[in-house]
């Protein structure tokens, strides 16, 4: 059974950068499309970016496209989210999620389509 563990969160100043990691165990991650989500206190969980099994077609939420970059290393069973120019409003718990898919070119940022989730990593942007 696939298990996901996020890491790389922390406290960062506005304008700073972080790279989050989503490490998978229990199953080869190359069978899965993966997405990153975040949830701020009092808000719904929102999809930020997704990446296909082959990693060739990342897709971003409009607000994330300029500053965030999703990538994957299937040899390391890991997906990353690089976040640059972080803003106060980026403060949230960040989650990765995976869904097995036959298609190598499918991914989604819809929360309800994913059934494997990590426990989350906290990102706090503060001066």
Foldseek 3Di string as FASTA:
>chain_A
DKAWAKDFADEAAQQAKIKIKIAIPDDQQLQKKKWKWWDAPPGDIWTAKIAFSVRPDIDGDPVRVVFWDWGDDSVRRMIMIMGGRDDQVVWTWMKMFIDGDPDRHDDDRDPVRTDHIYPTDTHGYDD
